[in-house]
PDB file of N, CA and C in Angstrom:
ATOM      1  N   UNK A   1      20.729  -0.303   6.181  1.00  0.00           N
ATOM      2  CA  UNK A   1      19.851  -0.205   5.398  1.00  0.00           C
ATOM      3  C   UNK A   1      19.327   1.619   5.348  1.00  0.00           C
ATOM      4  N   UNK A   2      20.100   2.706   5.615  1.00  0.00           N
ATOM      5  CA  UNK A   2      19.958   3.585   5.837  1.00  0.00           C
ATOM      6  C   UNK A   2      20.430   3.967   4.265  1.00  0.00           C
ATOM      7  N   UNK A   3      21.756   3.931   3.748  1.00  0.00           N
ATOM      8  CA  UNK A   3      21.838   4.288   2.505  1.00  0.00           C
ATOM      9  C   UNK A   3      21.009   3.419   1.544  1.00  0.00           C
ATOM     10  N   UNK A   4      21.063   2.320   1.583  1.00  0.00           N
ATOM     11  CA  UNK A   4      20.223   1.821   0.805  1.00  0.00           C
ATOM     12  C   UNK A   4      18.846   2.832   0.667  1.00  0.00           C
ATOM     13  N   UNK A   5      18.382   2.832   1.317  1.00  0.00           N
ATOM     14  CA  UNK A   5      17.121   3.695   1.435  1.00  0.00           C
ATOM     15  C   UNK A   5      17.175   5.171   0.387  1.00  0.00           C
ATOM     16  N   UNK A   6      18.551   5.755   1.351  1.00  0.00           N
ATOM     17  CA  UNK A   6      18.755   6.975   0.363  1.00  0.00           C
ATOM     18  C   UNK A   6      19.201   6.962  -0.815  1.00  0.00           C
ATOM     19  N   UNK A   7      19.654   5.948  -1.095  1.00  0.00           N
ATOM     20  CA  UNK A   7      20.065   5.976  -2.253  1.00  0.00           C
ATOM     21  C   UNK A   7      18.789   5.451  -3.085  1.00  0.00           C
ATOM     22  N   UNK A   8      17.967   4.788  -2.624  1.00  0.00           N
ATOM     23  CA  UNK A   8      16.473   5.351  -3.630  1.00  0.00           C
ATOM     24  C   UNK A   8      16.199   6.784  -3.624  1.00  0.00           C
ATOM     25  N   UNK A   9      16.207   7.297  -2.412  1.00  0.00           N
ATOM     26  CA  UNK A   9      15.699   8.269  -2.595  1.00  0.00           C
ATOM     27  C   UNK A   9      16.489   9.445  -4.146  1.00  0.00           C
ATOM     28  N   UNK A  10      17.279   9.262  -4.238  1.00  0.00           N
ATOM     29  CA  UNK A  10      18.258   9.808  -5.255  1.00  0.00           C
ATOM     30  C   UNK A  10      18.415   9.549  -6.206  1.00  0.00           C
ATOM     31  N   UNK A  11      18.083   8.634  -6.897  1.00  0.00           N
ATOM     32  CA  UNK A  11      17.492   8.003  -7.425  1.00  0.00           C
ATOM     33  C   UNK A  11      16.337   8.074  -8.181  1.00  0.00           C
ATOM     34  N   UNK A  12      15.114   8.388  -7.532  1.00  0.00           N
ATOM     35  CA  UNK A  12      14.086   9.081  -7.996  1.00  0.00           C
ATOM     36  C   UNK A  12      13.839  10.432  -8.232  1.00  0.00           C
ATOM     37  N   UNK A  13      14.514  11.243  -7.221  1.00  0.00           N
ATOM     38  CA  UNK A  13      14.622  12.805  -7.662  1.00  0.00           C
ATOM     39  C   UNK A  13      16.014  12.698  -9.423  1.00  0.00           C
ATOM     40  N   UNK A  14      16.735  11.952  -9.113  1.00  0.00           N
ATOM     41  CA  UNK A  14      17.325  11.921 -10.879  1.00  0.00           C
ATOM     42  C   UNK A  14      16.774  11.382 -11.734  1.00  0.00           C
ATOM     43  N   UNK A  15      15.630  11.012 -11.399  1.00  0.00           N
ATOM     44  CA  UNK A  15      14.742   9.995 -12.469  1.00  0.00           C
ATOM     45  C   UNK A  15      13.645  10.954 -13.078  1.00  0.00           C
ATOM     46  N   UNK A  16      13.364  12.026 -11.832  1.00  0.00           N
ATOM     47  CA  UNK A  16      12.104  12.829 -12.186  1.00  0.00           C
ATOM     48  C   UNK A  16      13.174  13.925 -13.310  1.00  0.00           C
ATOM     49  N   UNK A  17      14.105  14.339 -12.553  1.00  0.00           N
ATOM     50  CA  UNK A  17      14.923  15.797 -14.034  1.00  0.00           C
ATOM     51  C   UNK A  17      15.315  15.472 -14.806  1.00  0.00           C
ATOM     52  N   UNK A  18      15.383  14.327 -14.895  1.00  0.00           N
ATOM     53  CA  UNK A  18      15.616  13.683 -16.367  1.00  0.00           C
ATOM     54  C   UNK A  18      14.248  13.430 -17.188  1.00  0.00           C
ATOM     55  N   UNK A  19      13.563  13.532 -16.753  1.00  0.00           N
ATOM     56  CA  UNK A  19      12.078  12.775 -17.296  1.00  0.00           C
ATOM     57  C   UNK A  19      11.417  14.190 -18.007  1.00  0.00           C
ATOM     58  N   UNK A  20      11.678  15.382 -16.492  1.00  0.00           N
ATOM     59  CA  UNK A  20      11.084  16.134 -16.751  1.00  0.00           C
ATOM     60  C   UNK A  20      11.720  18.040 -16.593  1.00  0.00           C
ATOM     61  N   UNK A  21      12.160  18.042 -17.451  1.00  0.00           N
ATOM     62  CA  UNK A  21      13.010  19.161 -17.646  1.00  0.00           C
ATOM     63  C   UNK A  21      12.595  20.733 -17.087  1.00  0.00           C
ATOM     64  N   UNK A  22      11.244  20.450 -16.565  1.00  0.00           N
ATOM     65  CA  UNK A  22      11.100  21.673 -15.617  1.00  0.00           C
ATOM     66  C   UNK A  22      10.839  21.844 -14.851  1.00  0.00           C
ATOM     67  N   UNK A  23      11.522  20.919 -13.747  1.00  0.00           N
ATOM     68  CA  UNK A  23      11.799  20.932 -12.544  1.00  0.00           C
ATOM     69  C   UNK A  23      13.256  21.459 -12.654  1.00  0.00           C
ATOM     70  N   UNK A  24      14.253  21.451 -13.303  1.00  0.00           N
ATOM     71  CA  UNK A  24      15.769  22.172 -12.996  1.00  0.00           C
ATOM     72  C   UNK A  24      15.981  22.951 -12.542  1.00  0.00           C
ATOM     73  N   UNK A  25      15.029  24.280 -12.727  1.00  0.00           N
ATOM     74  CA  UNK A  25      15.144  25.117 -11.597  1.00  0.00           C
ATOM     75  C   UNK A  25      14.796  25.987 -10.080  1.00  0.00           C
ATOM     76  N   UNK A  26      14.567  24.301  -9.901  1.00  0.00           N
ATOM     77  CA  UNK A  26      13.906  24.020  -8.532  1.00  0.00           C
ATOM     78  C   UNK A  26      15.019  22.902  -8.206  1.00  0.00           C
ATOM     79  N   UNK A  27      15.468  22.881  -8.588  1.00  0.00           N
ATOM     80  CA  UNK A  27      16.671  21.737  -8.161  1.00  0.00           C
ATOM     81  C   UNK A  27      17.305  22.161  -7.050  1.00  0.00           C
ATOM     82  N   UNK A  28      17.922  23.104  -6.047  1.00  0.00           N
ATOM     83  CA  UNK A  28      17.941  23.480  -5.262  1.00  0.00           C
ATOM     84  C   UNK A  28      16.987  22.848  -3.804  1.00  0.00           C
ATOM     85  N   UNK A  29      16.163  23.394  -3.901  1.00  0.00           N
ATOM     86  CA  UNK A  29      15.070  22.924  -3.227  1.00  0.00           C
ATOM     87  C   UNK A  29      14.946  22.191  -3.042  1.00  0.00           C
ATOM     88  N   UNK A  30      14.631  20.872  -4.053  1.00  0.00           N
ATOM     89  CA  UNK A  30      14.477  19.335  -4.180  1.00  0.00           C
ATOM     90  C   UNK A  30      15.538  18.271  -3.445  1.00  0.00           C
ATOM     91  N   UNK A  31      17.114  18.911  -3.340  1.00  0.00           N
ATOM     92  CA  UNK A  31      18.145  18.713  -3.158  1.00  0.00           C
ATOM     93  C   UNK A  31      18.224  18.522  -1.446  1.00  0.00           C
ATOM     94  N   UNK A  32      17.382  20.194  -0.748  1.00  0.00           N
ATOM     95  CA  UNK A  32      17.198  20.284   1.062  1.00  0.00           C
ATOM     96  C   UNK A  32      16.968  19.246   1.306  1.00  0.00           C
ATOM     97  N   UNK A  33      15.205  19.342   0.760  1.00  0.00           N
ATOM     98  CA  UNK A  33      14.375  18.357   0.983  1.00  0.00           C
ATOM     99  C   UNK A  33      15.021  16.973   1.387  1.00  0.00           C
ATOM    100  N   UNK A  34      15.913  16.547   0.583  1.00  0.00           N
ATOM    101  CA  UNK A  34      16.163  15.260   0.058  1.00  0.00           C
ATOM    102  C   UNK A  34      17.337  15.248   1.595  1.00  0.00           C
ATOM    103  N   UNK A  35      18.142  16.217   1.751  1.00  0.00           N
ATOM    104  CA  UNK A  35      19.100  16.253   3.138  1.00  0.00           C
ATOM    105  C   UNK A  35      18.104  16.298   4.633  1.00  0.00           C
ATOM    106  N   UNK A  36      17.004  16.896   4.280  1.00  0.00           N
ATOM    107  CA  UNK A  36      16.031  16.847   5.327  1.00  0.00           C
ATOM    108  C   UNK A  36      15.935  15.112   5.889  1.00  0.00           C
ATOM    109  N   UNK A  37      15.815  14.559   5.297  1.00  0.00           N
ATOM    110  CA  UNK A  37      14.565  13.015   4.501  1.00  0.00           C
ATOM    111  C   UNK A  37      15.792  12.211   5.506  1.00  0.00           C
ATOM    112  N   UNK A  38      17.081  12.538   5.502  1.00  0.00           N
ATOM    113  CA  UNK A  38      18.163  12.206   5.224  1.00  0.00           C
ATOM    114  C   UNK A  38      18.500  12.210   7.159  1.00  0.00           C
ATOM    115  N   UNK A  39      18.469  12.799   7.745  1.00  0.00           N
ATOM    116  CA  UNK A  39      18.344  13.391   8.522  1.00  0.00           C
ATOM    117  C   UNK A  39      17.399  13.217   9.271  1.00  0.00           C
ATOM    118  N   UNK A  40      16.034  12.968   9.005  1.00  0.00           N
ATOM    119  CA  UNK A  40      15.057  12.460  10.052  1.00  0.00           C
ATOM    120  C   UNK A  40      15.344  11.236   9.943  1.00  0.00           C
ATOM    121  N   UNK A  41      15.934  10.215   9.224  1.00  0.00           N
ATOM    122  CA  UNK A  41      15.549   8.906   9.327  1.00  0.00           C
ATOM    123  C   UNK A  41      16.888   8.487   9.716  1.00  0.00           C
ATOM    124  N   UNK A  42      17.926   9.076  10.301  1.00  0.00           N
ATOM    125  CA  UNK A  42      18.882   8.308  11.143  1.00  0.00           C
ATOM    126  C   UNK A  42      18.371   9.055  12.233  1.00  0.00           C
ATOM    127  N   UNK A  43      17.806  10.134  12.564  1.00  0.00           N
ATOM    128  CA  UNK A  43      17.642  10.202  14.040  1.00  0.00           C
ATOM    129  C   UNK A  43      16.554   9.090  14.338  1.00  0.00           C
ATOM    130  N   UNK A  44      14.855   8.525  13.853  1.00  0.00           N
ATOM    131  CA  UNK A  44      14.186   8.316  13.736  1.00  0.00           C
ATOM    132  C   UNK A  44      12.811   8.820  14.733  1.00  0.00           C
ATOM    133  N   UNK A  45      13.001  10.274  14.587  1.00  0.00           N
ATOM    134  CA  UNK A  45      12.048  11.095  15.864  1.00  0.00           C
ATOM    135  C   UNK A  45      12.187  11.429  15.059  1.00  0.00           C
ATOM    136  N   UNK A  46      10.281  11.613  15.031  1.00  0.00           N
ATOM    137  CA  UNK A  46       9.118  12.463  14.238  1.00  0.00           C
ATOM    138  C   UNK A  46       9.352  13.004  13.423  1.00  0.00           C
ATOM    139  N   UNK A  47       9.771  11.561  12.333  1.00  0.00           N
ATOM    140  CA  UNK A  47       9.762  11.346  11.005  1.00  0.00           C
ATOM    141  C   UNK A  47       8.752  11.876   9.898  1.00  0.00           C
ATOM    142  N   UNK A  48       7.081  11.429  10.757  1.00  0.00           N
ATOM    143  CA  UNK A  48       6.361  11.807  10.288  1.00  0.00           C
ATOM    144  C   UNK A  48       5.855  13.208  10.174  1.00  0.00           C
ATOM    145  N   UNK A  49       6.213  13.908  11.034  1.00  0.00           N
ATOM    146  CA  UNK A  49       5.575  15.034  11.379  1.00  0.00           C
ATOM    147  C   UNK A  49       7.138  15.729  10.583  1.00  0.00           C
ATOM    148  N   UNK A  50       7.691  15.870  10.269  1.00  0.00           N
ATOM    149  CA  UNK A  50       9.055  16.648   9.997  1.00  0.00           C
ATOM    150  C   UNK A  50       8.434  16.545   8.240  1.00  0.00           C
ATOM    151  N   UNK A  51       8.085  15.112   7.883  1.00  0.00           N
ATOM    152  CA  UNK A  51       7.689  15.078   6.534  1.00  0.00           C
ATOM    153  C   UNK A  51       6.739  15.530   5.821  1.00  0.00           C
ATOM    154  N   UNK A  52       5.658  15.979   6.572  1.00  0.00           N
ATOM    155  CA  UNK A  52       5.071  16.566   6.295  1.00  0.00           C
ATOM    156  C   UNK A  52       5.003  18.053   6.543  1.00  0.00           C
ATOM    157  N   UNK A  53       5.384  18.896   7.577  1.00  0.00           N
ATOM    158  CA  UNK A  53       5.622  20.079   7.543  1.00  0.00           C
ATOM    159  C   UNK A  53       6.906  20.609   5.528  1.00  0.00           C
ATOM    160  N   UNK A  54       7.481  19.424   5.541  1.00  0.00           N
ATOM    161  CA  UNK A  54       8.448  19.693   4.348  1.00  0.00           C
ATOM    162  C   UNK A  54       7.529  20.172   3.208  1.00  0.00           C
ATOM    163  N   UNK A  55       6.132  18.639   3.424  1.00  0.00           N
ATOM    164  CA  UNK A  55       5.189  18.594   2.176  1.00  0.00           C
ATOM    165  C   UNK A  55       4.643  19.921   2.069  1.00  0.00           C
ATOM    166  N   UNK A  56       4.439  20.867   3.097  1.00  0.00           N
ATOM    167  CA  UNK A  56       3.301  22.065   3.310  1.00  0.00           C
ATOM    168  C   UNK A  56       4.373  22.839   2.264  1.00  0.00           C
ATOM    169  N   UNK A  57       5.480  23.125   3.178  1.00  0.00           N
ATOM    170  CA  UNK A  57       6.341  24.164   2.600  1.00  0.00           C
ATOM    171  C   UNK A  57       6.704  24.078   0.970  1.00  0.00           C
ATOM    172  N   UNK A  58       6.885  22.439   0.689  1.00  0.00           N
ATOM    173  CA  UNK A  58       6.998  22.591  -1.109  1.00  0.00           C
ATOM    174  C   UNK A  58       5.760  22.718  -1.485  1.00  0.00           C
ATOM    175  N   UNK A  59       5.021  22.620  -1.436  1.00  0.00           N
ATOM    176  CA  UNK A  59       3.215  22.876  -2.298  1.00  0.00           C
ATOM    177  C   UNK A  59       3.309  24.745  -1.971  1.00  0.00           C
ATOM    178  N   UNK A  60       3.395  24.863  -0.888  1.00  0.00           N
ATOM    179  CA  UNK A  60       2.984  26.502  -1.098  1.00  0.00           C
ATOM    180  C   UNK A  60       4.575  27.245  -2.097  1.00  0.00           C
ATOM    181  N   UNK A  61       5.620  26.587  -2.314  1.00  0.00           N
ATOM    182  CA  UNK A  61       6.726  27.154  -3.579  1.00  0.00           C
ATOM    183  C   UNK A  61       6.409  26.721  -4.959  1.00  0.00           C
ATOM    184  N   UNK A  62       5.782  24.936  -4.927  1.00  0.00           N
ATOM    185  CA  UNK A  62       5.724  24.698  -6.670  1.00  0.00           C
ATOM    186  C   UNK A  62       4.784  23.820  -6.587  1.00  0.00           C
ATOM    187  N   UNK A  63       3.490  23.848  -7.183  1.00  0.00           N
ATOM    188  CA  UNK A  63       2.353  22.760  -6.196  1.00  0.00           C
ATOM    189  C   UNK A  63       2.430  21.424  -7.217  1.00  0.00           C
ATOM    190  N   UNK A  64       2.084  21.436  -8.583  1.00  0.00           N
ATOM    191  CA  UNK A  64       1.725  20.562  -9.285  1.00  0.00           C
ATOM    192  C   UNK A  64       3.521  19.597  -9.480  1.00  0.00           C
ATOM    193  N   UNK A  65       4.823  20.071  -9.456  1.00  0.00           N
ATOM    194  CA  UNK A  65       5.752  19.087  -9.286  1.00  0.00           C
ATOM    195  C   UNK A  65       6.411  18.536  -8.152  1.00  0.00           C
ATOM    196  N   UNK A  66       6.127  19.896  -7.390  1.00  0.00           N
ATOM    197  CA  UNK A  66       6.490  18.747  -5.995  1.00  0.00           C
ATOM    198  C   UNK A  66       5.595  17.896  -5.582  1.00  0.00           C
ATOM    199  N   UNK A  67       4.823  18.113  -5.620  1.00  0.00           N
ATOM    200  CA  UNK A  67       3.284  17.082  -5.204  1.00  0.00           C
ATOM    201  C   UNK A  67       3.575  16.267  -5.590  1.00  0.00           C
ATOM    202  N   UNK A  68       3.728  15.471  -6.443  1.00  0.00           N
ATOM    203  CA  UNK A  68       4.227  14.225  -7.358  1.00  0.00           C
ATOM    204  C   UNK A  68       5.562  14.077  -6.662  1.00  0.00           C
ATOM    205  N   UNK A  69       6.758  14.990  -6.487  1.00  0.00           N
ATOM    206  CA  UNK A  69       7.939  14.298  -5.879  1.00  0.00           C
ATOM    207  C   UNK A  69       8.115  13.400  -4.491  1.00  0.00           C
ATOM    208  N   UNK A  70       6.896  14.400  -3.779  1.00  0.00           N
ATOM    209  CA  UNK A  70       6.341  14.316  -2.420  1.00  0.00           C
ATOM    210  C   UNK A  70       5.921  12.822  -2.139  1.00  0.00           C
ATOM    211  N   UNK A  71       5.295  13.248  -2.975  1.00  0.00           N
ATOM    212  CA  UNK A  71       3.993  11.601  -2.907  1.00  0.00           C
ATOM    213  C   UNK A  71       5.210  10.261  -3.253  1.00  0.00           C
ATOM    214  N   UNK A  72       6.161  10.296  -4.469  1.00  0.00           N
ATOM    215  CA  UNK A  72       7.287   9.789  -4.424  1.00  0.00           C
ATOM    216  C   UNK A  72       7.854   9.107  -3.210  1.00  0.00           C
ATOM    217  N   UNK A  73       7.947  10.322  -2.814  1.00  0.00           N
ATOM    218  CA  UNK A  73       8.981  10.117  -1.293  1.00  0.00           C
ATOM    219  C   UNK A  73       8.382   9.468  -0.036  1.00  0.00           C
ATOM    220  N   UNK A  74       6.986   9.585   0.089  1.00  0.00           N
ATOM    221  CA  UNK A  74       6.656   9.285   1.065  1.00  0.00           C
ATOM    222  C   UNK A  74       6.197   7.338   0.774  1.00  0.00           C
ATOM    223  N   UNK A  75       5.772   7.101  -0.934  1.00  0.00           N
ATOM    224  CA  UNK A  75       5.576   5.787  -1.330  1.00  0.00           C
ATOM    225  C   UNK A  75       7.175   5.179  -0.418  1.00  0.00           C
ATOM    226  N   UNK A  76       7.881   5.823  -1.329  1.00  0.00           N
ATOM    227  CA  UNK A  76       9.790   5.093  -0.883  1.00  0.00           C
ATOM    228  C   UNK A  76       9.924   4.750   0.773  1.00  0.00           C
ATOM    229  N   UNK A  77       9.373   5.648   1.832  1.00  0.00           N
ATOM    230  CA  UNK A  77       9.544   5.853   3.347  1.00  0.00           C
ATOM    231  C   UNK A  77       8.245   4.812   3.805  1.00  0.00           C
ATOM    232  N   UNK A  78       7.396   4.527   2.565  1.00  0.00           N
ATOM    233  CA  UNK A  78       6.580   3.228   3.904  1.00  0.00           C
ATOM    234  C   UNK A  78       6.798   2.026   3.211  1.00  0.00           C
ATOM    235  N   UNK A  79       7.473   1.853   1.970  1.00  0.00           N
ATOM    236  CA  UNK A  79       7.821   0.574   1.197  1.00  0.00           C
ATOM    237  C   UNK A  79       9.221  -0.224   2.204  1.00  0.00           C
ATOM    238  N   UNK A  80       9.836   0.904   2.386  1.00  0.00           N
ATOM    239  CA  UNK A  80      11.209   0.500   2.384  1.00  0.00           C
ATOM    240  C   UNK A  80      11.203   0.248   4.317  1.00  0.00           C
ATOM    241  N   UNK A  81      10.571   1.236   5.119  1.00  0.00           N
ATOM    242  CA  UNK A  81      10.530   1.138   6.797  1.00  0.00           C
ATOM    243  C   UNK A  81       9.112   0.651   7.160  1.00  0.00           C
ATOM    244  N   UNK A  82       8.314  -0.002   6.505  1.00  0.00           N
ATOM    245  CA  UNK A  82       7.526  -0.669   6.728  1.00  0.00           C
ATOM    246  C   UNK A  82       6.215   0.655   7.881  1.00  0.00           C
ATOM    247  N   UNK A  83       6.424   1.715   7.761  1.00  0.00           N
ATOM    248  CA  UNK A  83       5.790   2.235   8.638  1.00  0.00           C
ATOM    249  C   UNK A  83       3.482   2.271   8.257  1.00  0.00           C
ATOM    250  N   UNK A  84       3.283   2.238   9.493  1.00  0.00           N
ATOM    251  CA  UNK A  84       2.191   1.591   9.405  1.00  0.00           C
ATOM    252  C   UNK A  84       1.572   2.984   8.918  1.00  0.00           C
ATOM    253  N   UNK A  85       1.388   3.542   7.673  1.00  0.00           N
ATOM    254  CA  UNK A  85       0.308   4.840   8.003  1.00  0.00           C
ATOM    255  C   UNK A  85      -0.890   4.720   6.740  1.00  0.00           C
ATOM    256  N   UNK A  86      -1.404   4.588   5.719  1.00  0.00           N
ATOM    257  CA  UNK A  86      -2.326   4.362   4.788  1.00  0.00           C
ATOM    258  C   UNK A  86      -1.571   5.626   3.486  1.00  0.00           C
ATOM    259  N   UNK A  87      -1.546   5.077   2.923  1.00  0.00           N
ATOM    260  CA  UNK A  87      -0.687   6.832   2.062  1.00  0.00           C
ATOM    261  C   UNK A  87      -2.090   7.212   1.345  1.00  0.00           C
ATOM    262  N   UNK A  88      -3.339   6.712   1.473  1.00  0.00           N
ATOM    263  CA  UNK A  88      -4.609   7.426   1.344  1.00  0.00           C
ATOM    264  C   UNK A  88      -4.710   8.481   2.492  1.00  0.00           C
ATOM    265  N   UNK A  89      -4.406   8.433   3.600  1.00  0.00           N
ATOM    266  CA  UNK A  89      -4.675   9.333   5.080  1.00  0.00           C
ATOM    267  C   UNK A  89      -3.561  10.561   4.522  1.00  0.00           C
ATOM    268  N   UNK A  90      -2.425  10.485   4.344  1.00  0.00           N
ATOM    269  CA  UNK A  90      -1.356  10.852   4.399  1.00  0.00           C
ATOM    270  C   UNK A  90      -2.135  12.592   2.974  1.00  0.00           C
ATOM    271  N   UNK A  91      -2.235  11.204   1.889  1.00  0.00           N
ATOM    272  CA  UNK A  91      -2.280  12.678   0.597  1.00  0.00           C
ATOM    273  C   UNK A  91      -3.452  13.457   1.248  1.00  0.00           C
ATOM    274  N   UNK A  92      -4.949  12.739   1.942  1.00  0.00           N
ATOM    275  CA  UNK A  92      -6.034  13.410   2.340  1.00  0.00           C
ATOM    276  C   UNK A  92      -5.463  14.867   2.883  1.00  0.00           C
ATOM    277  N   UNK A  93      -4.638  14.384   4.464  1.00  0.00           N
ATOM    278  CA  UNK A  93      -4.204  15.551   5.049  1.00  0.00           C
ATOM    279  C   UNK A  93      -2.903  16.810   4.384  1.00  0.00           C
ATOM    280  N   UNK A  94      -2.617  16.174   3.547  1.00  0.00           N
ATOM    281  CA  UNK A  94      -1.512  17.140   2.601  1.00  0.00           C
ATOM    282  C   UNK A  94      -2.563  18.058   1.835  1.00  0.00           C
ATOM    283  N   UNK A  95      -3.558  17.797   0.991  1.00  0.00           N
ATOM    284  CA  UNK A  95      -4.815  18.305   0.284  1.00  0.00           C
ATOM    285  C   UNK A  95      -5.395  19.338   1.056  1.00  0.00           C
ATOM    286  N   UNK A  96      -5.463  18.752   2.672  1.00  0.00           N
ATOM    287  CA  UNK A  96      -6.546  19.499   3.252  1.00  0.00           C
ATOM    288  C   UNK A  96      -5.677  21.087   4.084  1.00  0.00           C
ATOM    289  N   UNK A  97      -4.268  20.526   3.818  1.00  0.00           N
ATOM    290  CA  UNK A  97      -3.031  21.411   4.213  1.00  0.00           C
ATOM    291  C   UNK A  97      -3.232  22.467   3.331  1.00  0.00           C
ATOM    292  N   UNK A  98      -3.273  22.176   2.117  1.00  0.00           N
ATOM    293  CA  UNK A  98      -2.837  22.982   1.079  1.00  0.00           C
ATOM    294  C   UNK A  98      -4.139  23.699   0.678  1.00  0.00           C
ATOM    295  N   UNK A  99      -5.524  23.910   1.175  1.00  0.00           N
ATOM    296  CA  UNK A  99      -6.571  24.382   0.861  1.00  0.00           C
ATOM    297  C   UNK A  99      -7.042  24.893   2.002  1.00  0.00           C
ATOM    298  N   UNK A 100      -6.134  24.813   2.646  1.00  0.00           N
ATOM    299  CA  UNK A 100      -6.255  26.015   4.437  1.00  0.00           C
ATOM    300  C   UNK A 100      -5.345  26.805   3.753  1.00  0.00           C
ATOM    301  N   UNK A 101      -4.456  26.424   3.544  1.00  0.00           N
ATOM    302  CA  UNK A 101      -3.061  27.504   2.867  1.00  0.00           C
ATOM    303  C   UNK A 101      -3.893  28.400   1.705  1.00  0.00           C
TER     304      UNK A 101
END
């Protein structure tokens, strides 16, 4: 099950790179985020907290492109892992943290 989820995360990243060439300079940052997600999924420990911290870091570095990538990753985690959180609450929390920074 972890292998399936990792492939879907990689596929989303690959498709976004193909459609939006502007993400290419940010390739290293996005690949690091994907590695962090894989580690968290294997540990199954504090997944939401770690994911939110990654979102804040990426928002501070490149706002628009990373926001779209992160929302796709959250959506994949909710659909594939049945996490009982609403996407609306996560989006509101992200924007709240973004405004505070």
